[in-house]
């Protein structure tokens, strides 16, 4: 797994506090790294604001197509995502698989993605 933070499509090292996550069932460390600093978080928020403006200007059909491709990729990776959810949150296997599946379910309003 890539460690660090990503901003504007580039990975960088976090400059904040060091932390780790553990599997609630075993106590095993599942991830460790540094959080982003306040400056890194602010830069990421600003990048997201710029990206949102670009997203809003895209036609709905294009946004819908992108979200549908996202759902397809999530579905392909459902087992891997379920394993990560289970190890991170302590979910049972069946619950983690349901959560991973829900990530790919479009939240539809009137039959369309809420874009």
PDB file of N, CA and C in Angstrom:
ATOM      1  N   UNK A   1       0.855  -1.182   0.000  1.00  0.00           N
ATOM      2  CA  UNK A   1       0.000   0.000   0.000  1.00  0.00           C
ATOM      3  C   UNK A   1       0.891   1.233   0.000  1.00  0.00           C
ATOM      4  N   UNK A   2       0.545   2.199  -0.819  1.00  0.00           N
ATOM      5  CA  UNK A   2       1.264   3.458  -0.867  1.00  0.00           C
ATOM      6  C   UNK A   2       1.072   4.194   0.449  1.00  0.00           C
ATOM      7  N   UNK A   3       2.138   4.736   0.985  1.00  0.00           N
ATOM      8  CA  UNK A   3       2.044   5.509   2.217  1.00  0.00           C
ATOM      9  C   UNK A   3       2.295   6.967   1.896  1.00  0.00           C
ATOM     10  N   UNK A   4       1.732   7.832   2.699  1.00  0.00           N
ATOM     11  CA  UNK A   4       1.910   9.254   2.519  1.00  0.00           C
ATOM     12  C   UNK A   4       0.593   9.911   2.189  1.00  0.00           C
ATOM     13  N   UNK A   5       0.683  11.054   1.561  1.00  0.00           N
ATOM     14  CA  UNK A   5      -0.518  11.783   1.182  1.00  0.00           C
ATOM     15  C   UNK A   5      -0.446  12.088  -0.302  1.00  0.00           C
ATOM     16  N   UNK A   6      -1.614  12.265  -0.904  1.00  0.00           N
ATOM     17  CA  UNK A   6      -1.653  12.563  -2.326  1.00  0.00           C
ATOM     18  C   UNK A   6      -2.311  13.923  -2.510  1.00  0.00           C
ATOM     19  N   UNK A   7      -1.708  14.743  -3.349  1.00  0.00           N
ATOM     20  CA  UNK A   7      -2.262  16.051  -3.665  1.00  0.00           C
ATOM     21  C   UNK A   7      -1.893  16.363  -5.103  1.00  0.00           C
ATOM     22  N   UNK A   8      -2.864  16.767  -5.870  1.00  0.00           N
ATOM     23  CA  UNK A   8      -2.694  17.076  -7.282  1.00  0.00           C
ATOM     24  C   UNK A   8      -2.085  15.893  -8.037  1.00  0.00           C
ATOM     25  N   UNK A   9      -2.522  14.687  -7.654  1.00  0.00           N
ATOM     26  CA  UNK A   9      -2.089  13.485  -8.344  1.00  0.00           C
ATOM     27  C   UNK A   9      -0.687  13.010  -8.008  1.00  0.00           C
ATOM     28  N   UNK A  10      -0.047  13.608  -7.011  1.00  0.00           N
ATOM     29  CA  UNK A  10       1.322  13.230  -6.662  1.00  0.00           C
ATOM     30  C   UNK A  10       1.383  12.801  -5.199  1.00  0.00           C
ATOM     31  N   UNK A  11       2.104  11.685  -4.970  1.00  0.00           N
ATOM     32  CA  UNK A  11       2.285  11.204  -3.608  1.00  0.00           C
ATOM     33  C   UNK A  11       3.383  12.000  -2.927  1.00  0.00           C
ATOM     34  N   UNK A  12       3.196  12.261  -1.646  1.00  0.00           N
ATOM     35  CA  UNK A  12       4.209  12.922  -0.841  1.00  0.00           C
ATOM     36  C   UNK A  12       4.186  12.338   0.562  1.00  0.00           C
ATOM     37  N   UNK A  13       5.218  12.597   1.292  1.00  0.00           N
ATOM     38  CA  UNK A  13       5.279  12.138   2.675  1.00  0.00           C
ATOM     39  C   UNK A  13       4.440  13.057   3.552  1.00  0.00           C
ATOM     40  N   UNK A  14       3.718  12.456   4.494  1.00  0.00           N
ATOM     41  CA  UNK A  14       3.003  13.252   5.469  1.00  0.00           C
ATOM     42  C   UNK A  14       3.991  13.942   6.388  1.00  0.00           C
ATOM     43  N   UNK A  15       3.648  15.115   6.864  1.00  0.00           N
ATOM     44  CA  UNK A  15       4.539  15.864   7.752  1.00  0.00           C
ATOM     45  C   UNK A  15       3.919  16.036   9.136  1.00  0.00           C
ATOM     46  N   UNK A  16       2.812  15.335   9.393  1.00  0.00           N
ATOM     47  CA  UNK A  16       2.137  15.456  10.681  1.00  0.00           C
ATOM     48  C   UNK A  16       2.532  14.348  11.639  1.00  0.00           C
ATOM     49  N   UNK A  17       1.675  14.099  12.605  1.00  0.00           N
ATOM     50  CA  UNK A  17       1.926  13.088  13.626  1.00  0.00           C
ATOM     51  C   UNK A  17       1.972  11.689  13.026  1.00  0.00           C
ATOM     52  N   UNK A  18       2.783  10.832  13.614  1.00  0.00           N
ATOM     53  CA  UNK A  18       2.875   9.432  13.245  1.00  0.00           C
ATOM     54  C   UNK A  18       1.714   8.694  13.893  1.00  0.00           C
ATOM     55  N   UNK A  19       1.092   7.773  13.159  1.00  0.00           N
ATOM     56  CA  UNK A  19       0.020   6.975  13.743  1.00  0.00           C
ATOM     57  C   UNK A  19      -0.054   5.627  13.052  1.00  0.00           C
ATOM     58  N   UNK A  20      -0.838   4.726  13.643  1.00  0.00           N
ATOM     59  CA  UNK A  20      -1.042   3.412  13.051  1.00  0.00           C
ATOM     60  C   UNK A  20      -2.470   2.971  13.314  1.00  0.00           C
ATOM     61  N   UNK A  21      -2.922   2.070  12.462  1.00  0.00           N
ATOM     62  CA  UNK A  21      -4.229   1.447  12.681  1.00  0.00           C
ATOM     63  C   UNK A  21      -3.987  -0.035  12.944  1.00  0.00           C
ATOM     64  N   UNK A  22      -4.879  -0.609  13.729  1.00  0.00           N
ATOM     65  CA  UNK A  22      -4.735  -2.014  14.081  1.00  0.00           C
ATOM     66  C   UNK A  22      -6.021  -2.766  13.793  1.00  0.00           C
ATOM     67  N   UNK A  23      -5.859  -4.046  13.507  1.00  0.00           N
ATOM     68  CA  UNK A  23      -6.989  -4.940  13.305  1.00  0.00           C
ATOM     69  C   UNK A  23      -7.636  -5.162  14.669  1.00  0.00           C
ATOM     70  N   UNK A  24      -8.907  -4.769  14.850  1.00  0.00           N
ATOM     71  CA  UNK A  24      -9.541  -4.914  16.164  1.00  0.00           C
ATOM     72  C   UNK A  24      -9.625  -6.361  16.641  1.00  0.00           C
ATOM     73  N   UNK A  25      -9.638  -7.312  15.724  1.00  0.00           N
ATOM     74  CA  UNK A  25      -9.761  -8.719  16.113  1.00  0.00           C
ATOM     75  C   UNK A  25      -8.436  -9.301  16.600  1.00  0.00           C
ATOM     76  N   UNK A  26      -7.319  -8.828  16.025  1.00  0.00           N
ATOM     77  CA  UNK A  26      -6.030  -9.444  16.332  1.00  0.00           C
ATOM     78  C   UNK A  26      -5.038  -8.508  17.004  1.00  0.00           C
ATOM     79  N   UNK A  27      -5.271  -7.207  16.895  1.00  0.00           N
ATOM     80  CA  UNK A  27      -4.310  -6.237  17.415  1.00  0.00           C
ATOM     81  C   UNK A  27      -3.138  -6.007  16.478  1.00  0.00           C
ATOM     82  N   UNK A  28      -3.113  -6.719  15.349  1.00  0.00           N
ATOM     83  CA  UNK A  28      -2.033  -6.577  14.375  1.00  0.00           C
ATOM     84  C   UNK A  28      -2.076  -5.189  13.740  1.00  0.00           C
ATOM     85  N   UNK A  29      -0.915  -4.577  13.560  1.00  0.00           N
ATOM     86  CA  UNK A  29      -0.838  -3.291  12.865  1.00  0.00           C
ATOM     87  C   UNK A  29      -1.147  -3.521  11.394  1.00  0.00           C
ATOM     88  N   UNK A  30      -2.137  -2.800  10.879  1.00  0.00           N
ATOM     89  CA  UNK A  30      -2.514  -2.954   9.471  1.00  0.00           C
ATOM     90  C   UNK A  30      -2.025  -1.798   8.612  1.00  0.00           C
ATOM     91  N   UNK A  31      -1.677  -0.695   9.244  1.00  0.00           N
ATOM     92  CA  UNK A  31      -1.153   0.464   8.502  1.00  0.00           C
ATOM     93  C   UNK A  31      -0.444   1.370   9.486  1.00  0.00           C
ATOM     94  N   UNK A  32       0.635   1.981   9.037  1.00  0.00           N
ATOM     95  CA  UNK A  32       1.298   2.996   9.850  1.00  0.00           C
ATOM     96  C   UNK A  32       1.877   4.048   8.924  1.00  0.00           C
ATOM     97  N   UNK A  33       1.929   5.249   9.406  1.00  0.00           N
ATOM     98  CA  UNK A  33       2.476   6.337   8.606  1.00  0.00           C
ATOM     99  C   UNK A  33       2.255   7.661   9.287  1.00  0.00           C
ATOM    100  N   UNK A  34       2.588   8.712   8.587  1.00  0.00           N
ATOM    101  CA  UNK A  34       2.425  10.049   9.128  1.00  0.00           C
ATOM    102  C   UNK A  34       1.199  10.710   8.534  1.00  0.00           C
ATOM    103  N   UNK A  35       0.461  11.395   9.378  1.00  0.00           N
ATOM    104  CA  UNK A  35      -0.671  12.199   8.926  1.00  0.00           C
ATOM    105  C   UNK A  35      -0.134  13.409   8.168  1.00  0.00           C
ATOM    106  N   UNK A  36      -1.003  14.044   7.423  1.00  0.00           N
ATOM    107  CA  UNK A  36      -0.624  15.287   6.773  1.00  0.00           C
ATOM    108  C   UNK A  36      -0.571  16.415   7.796  1.00  0.00           C
ATOM    109  N   UNK A  37       0.272  17.367   7.550  1.00  0.00           N
ATOM    110  CA  UNK A  37       0.334  18.558   8.404  1.00  0.00           C
ATOM    111  C   UNK A  37      -0.860  19.455   8.100  1.00  0.00           C
ATOM    112  N   UNK A  38      -1.068  20.463   8.910  1.00  0.00           N
ATOM    113  CA  UNK A  38      -2.159  21.424   8.658  1.00  0.00           C
ATOM    114  C   UNK A  38      -1.990  22.053   7.279  1.00  0.00           C
ATOM    115  N   UNK A  39      -0.760  22.372   6.901  1.00  0.00           N
ATOM    116  CA  UNK A  39      -0.514  22.986   5.590  1.00  0.00           C
ATOM    117  C   UNK A  39      -0.845  22.001   4.463  1.00  0.00           C
ATOM    118  N   UNK A  40      -0.495  20.729   4.637  1.00  0.00           N
ATOM    119  CA  UNK A  40      -0.807  19.731   3.622  1.00  0.00           C
ATOM    120  C   UNK A  40      -2.310  19.512   3.501  1.00  0.00           C
ATOM    121  N   UNK A  41      -2.992  19.503   4.625  1.00  0.00           N
ATOM    122  CA  UNK A  41      -4.452  19.352   4.595  1.00  0.00           C
ATOM    123  C   UNK A  41      -5.081  20.544   3.894  1.00  0.00           C
ATOM    124  N   UNK A  42      -4.637  21.754   4.216  1.00  0.00           N
ATOM    125  CA  UNK A  42      -5.178  22.947   3.559  1.00  0.00           C
ATOM    126  C   UNK A  42      -4.925  22.911   2.053  1.00  0.00           C
ATOM    127  N   UNK A  43      -3.754  22.475   1.646  1.00  0.00           N
ATOM    128  CA  UNK A  43      -3.445  22.377   0.215  1.00  0.00           C
ATOM    129  C   UNK A  43      -4.370  21.355  -0.451  1.00  0.00           C
ATOM    130  N   UNK A  44      -4.623  20.233   0.219  1.00  0.00           N
ATOM    131  CA  UNK A  44      -5.513  19.213  -0.348  1.00  0.00           C
ATOM    132  C   UNK A  44      -6.941  19.734  -0.469  1.00  0.00           C
ATOM    133  N   UNK A  45      -7.407  20.482   0.528  1.00  0.00           N
ATOM    134  CA  UNK A  45      -8.754  21.066   0.470  1.00  0.00           C
ATOM    135  C   UNK A  45      -8.847  22.048  -0.689  1.00  0.00           C
ATOM    136  N   UNK A  46      -7.837  22.877  -0.864  1.00  0.00           N
ATOM    137  CA  UNK A  46      -7.846  23.827  -1.982  1.00  0.00           C
ATOM    138  C   UNK A  46      -7.841  23.112  -3.324  1.00  0.00           C
ATOM    139  N   UNK A  47      -7.066  22.034  -3.437  1.00  0.00           N
ATOM    140  CA  UNK A  47      -7.050  21.240  -4.666  1.00  0.00           C
ATOM    141  C   UNK A  47      -8.434  20.655  -4.939  1.00  0.00           C
ATOM    142  N   UNK A  48      -9.091  20.155  -3.883  1.00  0.00           N
ATOM    143  CA  UNK A  48     -10.436  19.585  -4.045  1.00  0.00           C
ATOM    144  C   UNK A  48     -11.433  20.645  -4.492  1.00  0.00           C
ATOM    145  N   UNK A  49     -11.313  21.846  -3.987  1.00  0.00           N
ATOM    146  CA  UNK A  49     -12.223  22.927  -4.409  1.00  0.00           C
ATOM    147  C   UNK A  49     -12.051  23.232  -5.894  1.00  0.00           C
ATOM    148  N   UNK A  50     -10.821  23.265  -6.340  1.00  0.00           N
ATOM    149  CA  UNK A  50     -10.553  23.517  -7.761  1.00  0.00           C
ATOM    150  C   UNK A  50     -11.116  22.371  -8.604  1.00  0.00           C
ATOM    151  N   UNK A  51     -10.895  21.134  -8.152  1.00  0.00           N
ATOM    152  CA  UNK A  51     -11.396  19.966  -8.896  1.00  0.00           C
ATOM    153  C   UNK A  51     -12.921  19.963  -8.940  1.00  0.00           C
ATOM    154  N   UNK A  52     -13.559  20.378  -7.865  1.00  0.00           N
ATOM    155  CA  UNK A  52     -15.023  20.387  -7.838  1.00  0.00           C
ATOM    156  C   UNK A  52     -15.572  21.362  -8.867  1.00  0.00           C
ATOM    157  N   UNK A  53     -14.932  22.491  -9.026  1.00  0.00           N
ATOM    158  CA  UNK A  53     -15.392  23.466 -10.022  1.00  0.00           C
ATOM    159  C   UNK A  53     -15.314  22.865 -11.429  1.00  0.00           C
ATOM    160  N   UNK A  54     -14.232  22.141 -11.708  1.00  0.00           N
ATOM    161  CA  UNK A  54     -14.095  21.472 -13.002  1.00  0.00           C
ATOM    162  C   UNK A  54     -15.168  20.399 -13.166  1.00  0.00           C
ATOM    163  N   UNK A  55     -15.391  19.624 -12.106  1.00  0.00           N
ATOM    164  CA  UNK A  55     -16.414  18.564 -12.128  1.00  0.00           C
ATOM    165  C   UNK A  55     -17.785  19.154 -12.429  1.00  0.00           C
ATOM    166  N   UNK A  56     -18.119  20.256 -11.800  1.00  0.00           N
ATOM    167  CA  UNK A  56     -19.435  20.874 -11.960  1.00  0.00           C
ATOM    168  C   UNK A  56     -19.677  21.351 -13.391  1.00  0.00           C
ATOM    169  N   UNK A  57     -18.618  21.655 -14.107  1.00  0.00           N
ATOM    170  CA  UNK A  57     -18.753  22.152 -15.478  1.00  0.00           C
ATOM    171  C   UNK A  57     -18.921  21.018 -16.494  1.00  0.00           C
ATOM    172  N   UNK A  58     -18.663  19.792 -16.098  1.00  0.00           N
ATOM    173  CA  UNK A  58     -18.810  18.657 -17.017  1.00  0.00           C
ATOM    174  C   UNK A  58     -20.285  18.346 -17.209  1.00  0.00           C
ATOM    175  N   UNK A  59     -20.687  17.932 -18.391  1.00  0.00           N
ATOM    176  CA  UNK A  59     -22.088  17.559 -18.617  1.00  0.00           C
ATOM    177  C   UNK A  59     -22.488  16.380 -17.721  1.00  0.00           C
ATOM    178  N   UNK A  60     -23.755  16.340 -17.360  1.00  0.00           N
ATOM    179  CA  UNK A  60     -24.228  15.277 -16.479  1.00  0.00           C
ATOM    180  C   UNK A  60     -23.942  13.903 -17.049  1.00  0.00           C
ATOM    181  N   UNK A  61     -24.116  13.719 -18.347  1.00  0.00           N
ATOM    182  CA  UNK A  61     -23.871  12.403 -18.952  1.00  0.00           C
ATOM    183  C   UNK A  61     -22.427  11.960 -18.733  1.00  0.00           C
ATOM    184  N   UNK A  62     -21.494  12.888 -18.826  1.00  0.00           N
ATOM    185  CA  UNK A  62     -20.082  12.548 -18.612  1.00  0.00           C
ATOM    186  C   UNK A  62     -19.836  12.185 -17.147  1.00  0.00           C
ATOM    187  N   UNK A  63     -20.404  12.966 -16.227  1.00  0.00           N
ATOM    188  CA  UNK A  63     -20.241  12.665 -14.796  1.00  0.00           C
ATOM    189  C   UNK A  63     -20.856  11.305 -14.464  1.00  0.00           C
ATOM    190  N   UNK A  64     -22.011  11.029 -15.025  1.00  0.00           N
ATOM    191  CA  UNK A  64     -22.666   9.740 -14.790  1.00  0.00           C
ATOM    192  C   UNK A  64     -21.796   8.603 -15.303  1.00  0.00           C
ATOM    193  N   UNK A  65     -21.227   8.765 -16.480  1.00  0.00           N
ATOM    194  CA  UNK A  65     -20.361   7.738 -17.055  1.00  0.00           C
ATOM    195  C   UNK A  65     -19.144   7.479 -16.157  1.00  0.00           C
ATOM    196  N   UNK A  66     -18.558   8.527 -15.641  1.00  0.00           N
ATOM    197  CA  UNK A  66     -17.400   8.384 -14.750  1.00  0.00           C
ATOM    198  C   UNK A  66     -17.801   7.625 -13.486  1.00  0.00           C
ATOM    199  N   UNK A  67     -18.940   7.967 -12.917  1.00  0.00           N
ATOM    200  CA  UNK A  67     -19.393   7.291 -11.695  1.00  0.00           C
ATOM    201  C   UNK A  67     -19.752   5.833 -11.960  1.00  0.00           C
ATOM    202  N   UNK A  68     -20.288   5.548 -13.123  1.00  0.00           N
ATOM    203  CA  UNK A  68     -20.600   4.162 -13.460  1.00  0.00           C
ATOM    204  C   UNK A  68     -19.329   3.339 -13.637  1.00  0.00           C
ATOM    205  N   UNK A  69     -18.281   3.934 -14.233  1.00  0.00           N
ATOM    206  CA  UNK A  69     -16.991   3.239 -14.349  1.00  0.00           C
ATOM    207  C   UNK A  69     -16.392   3.004 -12.960  1.00  0.00           C
ATOM    208  N   UNK A  70     -16.538   3.994 -12.082  1.00  0.00           N
ATOM    209  CA  UNK A  70     -16.084   3.851 -10.692  1.00  0.00           C
ATOM    210  C   UNK A  70     -16.782   2.659 -10.041  1.00  0.00           C
ATOM    211  N   UNK A  71     -18.092   2.561 -10.207  1.00  0.00           N
ATOM    212  CA  UNK A  71     -18.857   1.455  -9.619  1.00  0.00           C
ATOM    213  C   UNK A  71     -18.381   0.113 -10.171  1.00  0.00           C
ATOM    214  N   UNK A  72     -18.055   0.059 -11.453  1.00  0.00           N
ATOM    215  CA  UNK A  72     -17.549  -1.178 -12.048  1.00  0.00           C
ATOM    216  C   UNK A  72     -16.217  -1.581 -11.423  1.00  0.00           C
ATOM    217  N   UNK A  73     -15.335  -0.610 -11.219  1.00  0.00           N
ATOM    218  CA  UNK A  73     -14.030  -0.902 -10.623  1.00  0.00           C
ATOM    219  C   UNK A  73     -14.174  -1.343  -9.165  1.00  0.00           C
ATOM    220  N   UNK A  74     -15.066  -0.709  -8.430  1.00  0.00           N
ATOM    221  CA  UNK A  74     -15.313  -1.119  -7.046  1.00  0.00           C
ATOM    222  C   UNK A  74     -15.827  -2.558  -7.019  1.00  0.00           C
ATOM    223  N   UNK A  75     -16.734  -2.880  -7.924  1.00  0.00           N
ATOM    224  CA  UNK A  75     -17.289  -4.238  -7.991  1.00  0.00           C
ATOM    225  C   UNK A  75     -16.187  -5.257  -8.274  1.00  0.00           C
ATOM    226  N   UNK A  76     -15.264  -4.939  -9.179  1.00  0.00           N
ATOM    227  CA  UNK A  76     -14.151  -5.841  -9.490  1.00  0.00           C
ATOM    228  C   UNK A  76     -13.278  -6.091  -8.261  1.00  0.00           C
ATOM    229  N   UNK A  77     -13.162  -5.096  -7.407  1.00  0.00           N
ATOM    230  CA  UNK A  77     -12.266  -5.171  -6.255  1.00  0.00           C
ATOM    231  C   UNK A  77     -13.010  -5.448  -4.940  1.00  0.00           C
ATOM    232  N   UNK A  78     -14.232  -5.909  -5.040  1.00  0.00           N
ATOM    233  CA  UNK A  78     -15.086  -6.080  -3.861  1.00  0.00           C
ATOM    234  C   UNK A  78     -14.435  -6.960  -2.786  1.00  0.00           C
ATOM    235  N   UNK A  79     -13.858  -8.084  -3.171  1.00  0.00           N
ATOM    236  CA  UNK A  79     -13.259  -8.991  -2.186  1.00  0.00           C
ATOM    237  C   UNK A  79     -12.076  -8.335  -1.473  1.00  0.00           C
ATOM    238  N   UNK A  80     -11.231  -7.644  -2.219  1.00  0.00           N
ATOM    239  CA  UNK A  80     -10.083  -6.970  -1.626  1.00  0.00           C
ATOM    240  C   UNK A  80     -10.542  -5.856  -0.684  1.00  0.00           C
ATOM    241  N   UNK A  81     -11.534  -5.088  -1.131  1.00  0.00           N
ATOM    242  CA  UNK A  81     -12.065  -4.023  -0.277  1.00  0.00           C
ATOM    243  C   UNK A  81     -12.714  -4.587   0.981  1.00  0.00           C
ATOM    244  N   UNK A  82     -13.441  -5.682   0.843  1.00  0.00           N
ATOM    245  CA  UNK A  82     -14.079  -6.299   2.007  1.00  0.00           C
ATOM    246  C   UNK A  82     -13.033  -6.752   3.015  1.00  0.00           C
ATOM    247  N   UNK A  83     -11.933  -7.313   2.532  1.00  0.00           N
ATOM    248  CA  UNK A  83     -10.867  -7.729   3.436  1.00  0.00           C
ATOM    249  C   UNK A  83     -10.283  -6.522   4.173  1.00  0.00           C
ATOM    250  N   UNK A  84     -10.051  -5.433   3.455  1.00  0.00           N
ATOM    251  CA  UNK A  84      -9.503  -4.228   4.084  1.00  0.00           C
ATOM    252  C   UNK A  84     -10.479  -3.653   5.112  1.00  0.00           C
ATOM    253  N   UNK A  85     -11.754  -3.635   4.793  1.00  0.00           N
ATOM    254  CA  UNK A  85     -12.773  -3.132   5.718  1.00  0.00           C
ATOM    255  C   UNK A  85     -12.805  -3.995   6.978  1.00  0.00           C
ATOM    256  N   UNK A  86     -12.775  -5.301   6.793  1.00  0.00           N
ATOM    257  CA  UNK A  86     -12.816  -6.216   7.931  1.00  0.00           C
ATOM    258  C   UNK A  86     -11.607  -6.028   8.834  1.00  0.00           C
ATOM    259  N   UNK A  87     -10.416  -5.920   8.230  1.00  0.00           N
ATOM    260  CA  UNK A  87      -9.194  -5.750   9.028  1.00  0.00           C
ATOM    261  C   UNK A  87      -9.129  -4.385   9.691  1.00  0.00           C
ATOM    262  N   UNK A  88      -9.678  -3.371   9.058  1.00  0.00           N
ATOM    263  CA  UNK A  88      -9.609  -2.020   9.616  1.00  0.00           C
ATOM    264  C   UNK A  88     -10.687  -1.767  10.667  1.00  0.00           C
ATOM    265  N   UNK A  89     -11.888  -2.254  10.412  1.00  0.00           N
ATOM    266  CA  UNK A  89     -13.025  -1.917  11.269  1.00  0.00           C
ATOM    267  C   UNK A  89     -13.503  -3.077  12.147  1.00  0.00           C
ATOM    268  N   UNK A  90     -13.036  -4.294  11.856  1.00  0.00           N
ATOM    269  CA  UNK A  90     -13.469  -5.437  12.626  1.00  0.00           C
ATOM    270  C   UNK A  90     -14.800  -6.019  12.178  1.00  0.00           C
ATOM    271  N   UNK A  91     -15.258  -5.618  10.993  1.00  0.00           N
ATOM    272  CA  UNK A  91     -16.526  -6.153  10.478  1.00  0.00           C
ATOM    273  C   UNK A  91     -16.403  -7.649  10.223  1.00  0.00           C
ATOM    274  N   UNK A  92     -17.535  -8.352  10.356  1.00  0.00           N
ATOM    275  CA  UNK A  92     -17.564  -9.739   9.923  1.00  0.00           C
ATOM    276  C   UNK A  92     -17.388  -9.774   8.416  1.00  0.00           C
ATOM    277  N   UNK A  93     -17.028 -10.937   7.889  1.00  0.00           N
ATOM    278  CA  UNK A  93     -16.801 -11.075   6.452  1.00  0.00           C
ATOM    279  C   UNK A  93     -18.044 -10.691   5.655  1.00  0.00           C
ATOM    280  N   UNK A  94     -19.204 -11.206   6.061  1.00  0.00           N
ATOM    281  CA  UNK A  94     -20.432 -10.929   5.304  1.00  0.00           C
ATOM    282  C   UNK A  94     -20.783  -9.448   5.355  1.00  0.00           C
ATOM    283  N   UNK A  95     -20.547  -8.802   6.510  1.00  0.00           N
ATOM    284  CA  UNK A  95     -20.871  -7.386   6.636  1.00  0.00           C
ATOM    285  C   UNK A  95     -19.902  -6.534   5.807  1.00  0.00           C
ATOM    286  N   UNK A  96     -18.628  -6.902   5.827  1.00  0.00           N
ATOM    287  CA  UNK A  96     -17.636  -6.169   5.037  1.00  0.00           C
ATOM    288  C   UNK A  96     -17.927  -6.294   3.541  1.00  0.00           C
ATOM    289  N   UNK A  97     -18.359  -7.484   3.100  1.00  0.00           N
ATOM    290  CA  UNK A  97     -18.712  -7.663   1.689  1.00  0.00           C
ATOM    291  C   UNK A  97     -19.928  -6.813   1.323  1.00  0.00           C
ATOM    292  N   UNK A  98     -20.901  -6.735   2.234  1.00  0.00           N
ATOM    293  CA  UNK A  98     -22.080  -5.890   1.980  1.00  0.00           C
ATOM    294  C   UNK A  98     -21.680  -4.422   1.892  1.00  0.00           C
ATOM    295  N   UNK A  99     -20.786  -3.988   2.787  1.00  0.00           N
ATOM    296  CA  UNK A  99     -20.341  -2.592   2.756  1.00  0.00           C
ATOM    297  C   UNK A  99     -19.579  -2.285   1.478  1.00  0.00           C
ATOM    298  N   UNK A 100     -18.700  -3.190   1.081  1.00  0.00           N
ATOM    299  CA  UNK A 100     -17.954  -2.988  -0.165  1.00  0.00           C
ATOM    300  C   UNK A 100     -18.903  -2.947  -1.353  1.00  0.00           C
ATOM    301  N   UNK A 101     -19.918  -3.812  -1.354  1.00  0.00           N
ATOM    302  CA  UNK A 101     -20.905  -3.794  -2.436  1.00  0.00           C
ATOM    303  C   UNK A 101     -21.704  -2.501  -2.466  1.00  0.00           C
ATOM    304  N   UNK A 102     -22.016  -1.977  -1.276  1.00  0.00           N
ATOM    305  CA  UNK A 102     -22.781  -0.732  -1.212  1.00  0.00           C
ATOM    306  C   UNK A 102     -21.995   0.444  -1.795  1.00  0.00           C
ATOM    307  N   UNK A 103     -20.663   0.371  -1.743  1.00  0.00           N
ATOM    308  CA  UNK A 103     -19.840   1.435  -2.316  1.00  0.00           C
ATOM    309  C   UNK A 103     -20.055   1.561  -3.820  1.00  0.00           C
ATOM    310  N   UNK A 104     -20.463   0.464  -4.451  1.00  0.00           N
ATOM    311  CA  UNK A 104     -20.659   0.464  -5.904  1.00  0.00           C
ATOM    312  C   UNK A 104     -22.106   0.692  -6.296  1.00  0.00           C
ATOM    313  N   UNK A 105     -22.982   0.792  -5.320  1.00  0.00           N
ATOM    314  CA  UNK A 105     -24.398   0.970  -5.616  1.00  0.00           C
ATOM    315  C   UNK A 105     -24.676   2.449  -5.841  1.00  0.00           C
ATOM    316  N   UNK A 106     -25.177   2.797  -7.010  1.00  0.00           N
ATOM    317  CA  UNK A 106     -25.463   4.210  -7.242  1.00  0.00           C
ATOM    318  C   UNK A 106     -26.553   4.713  -6.317  1.00  0.00           C
ATOM    319  N   UNK A 107     -26.315   5.863  -5.781  1.00  0.00           N
ATOM    320  CA  UNK A 107     -27.331   6.525  -4.965  1.00  0.00           C
ATOM    321  C   UNK A 107     -28.194   7.322  -5.937  1.00  0.00           C
ATOM    322  N   UNK A 108     -29.232   6.676  -6.395  1.00  0.00           N
ATOM    323  CA  UNK A 108     -30.025   7.246  -7.472  1.00  0.00           C
ATOM    324  C   UNK A 108     -31.183   8.089  -6.958  1.00  0.00           C
ATOM    325  N   UNK A 109     -31.409   9.153  -7.656  1.00  0.00           N
ATOM    326  CA  UNK A 109     -32.536  10.045  -7.413  1.00  0.00           C
ATOM    327  C   UNK A 109     -33.251  10.181  -8.742  1.00  0.00           C
ATOM    328  N   UNK A 110     -34.447   9.691  -8.825  1.00  0.00           N
ATOM    329  CA  UNK A 110     -35.179   9.768 -10.085  1.00  0.00           C
ATOM    330  C   UNK A 110     -34.521   8.972 -11.185  1.00  0.00           C
ATOM    331  N   UNK A 111     -33.781   7.897 -10.822  1.00  0.00           N
ATOM    332  CA  UNK A 111     -33.174   7.030 -11.824  1.00  0.00           C
ATOM    333  C   UNK A 111     -31.835   7.496 -12.341  1.00  0.00           C
ATOM    334  N   UNK A 112     -31.237   8.538 -11.783  1.00  0.00           N
ATOM    335  CA  UNK A 112     -29.935   9.016 -12.249  1.00  0.00           C
ATOM    336  C   UNK A 112     -29.007   9.197 -11.058  1.00  0.00           C
ATOM    337  N   UNK A 113     -27.711   9.194 -11.330  1.00  0.00           N
ATOM    338  CA  UNK A 113     -26.737   9.486 -10.286  1.00  0.00           C
ATOM    339  C   UNK A 113     -26.967  10.914  -9.808  1.00  0.00           C
ATOM    340  N   UNK A 114     -26.764  11.180  -8.530  1.00  0.00           N
ATOM    341  CA  UNK A 114     -26.913  12.553  -8.025  1.00  0.00           C
ATOM    342  C   UNK A 114     -25.685  13.392  -8.343  1.00  0.00           C
ATOM    343  N   UNK A 115     -25.550  13.760  -9.599  1.00  0.00           N
ATOM    344  CA  UNK A 115     -24.370  14.510 -10.015  1.00  0.00           C
ATOM    345  C   UNK A 115     -24.748  15.942 -10.230  1.00  0.00           C
TER     346      UNK A 115
END
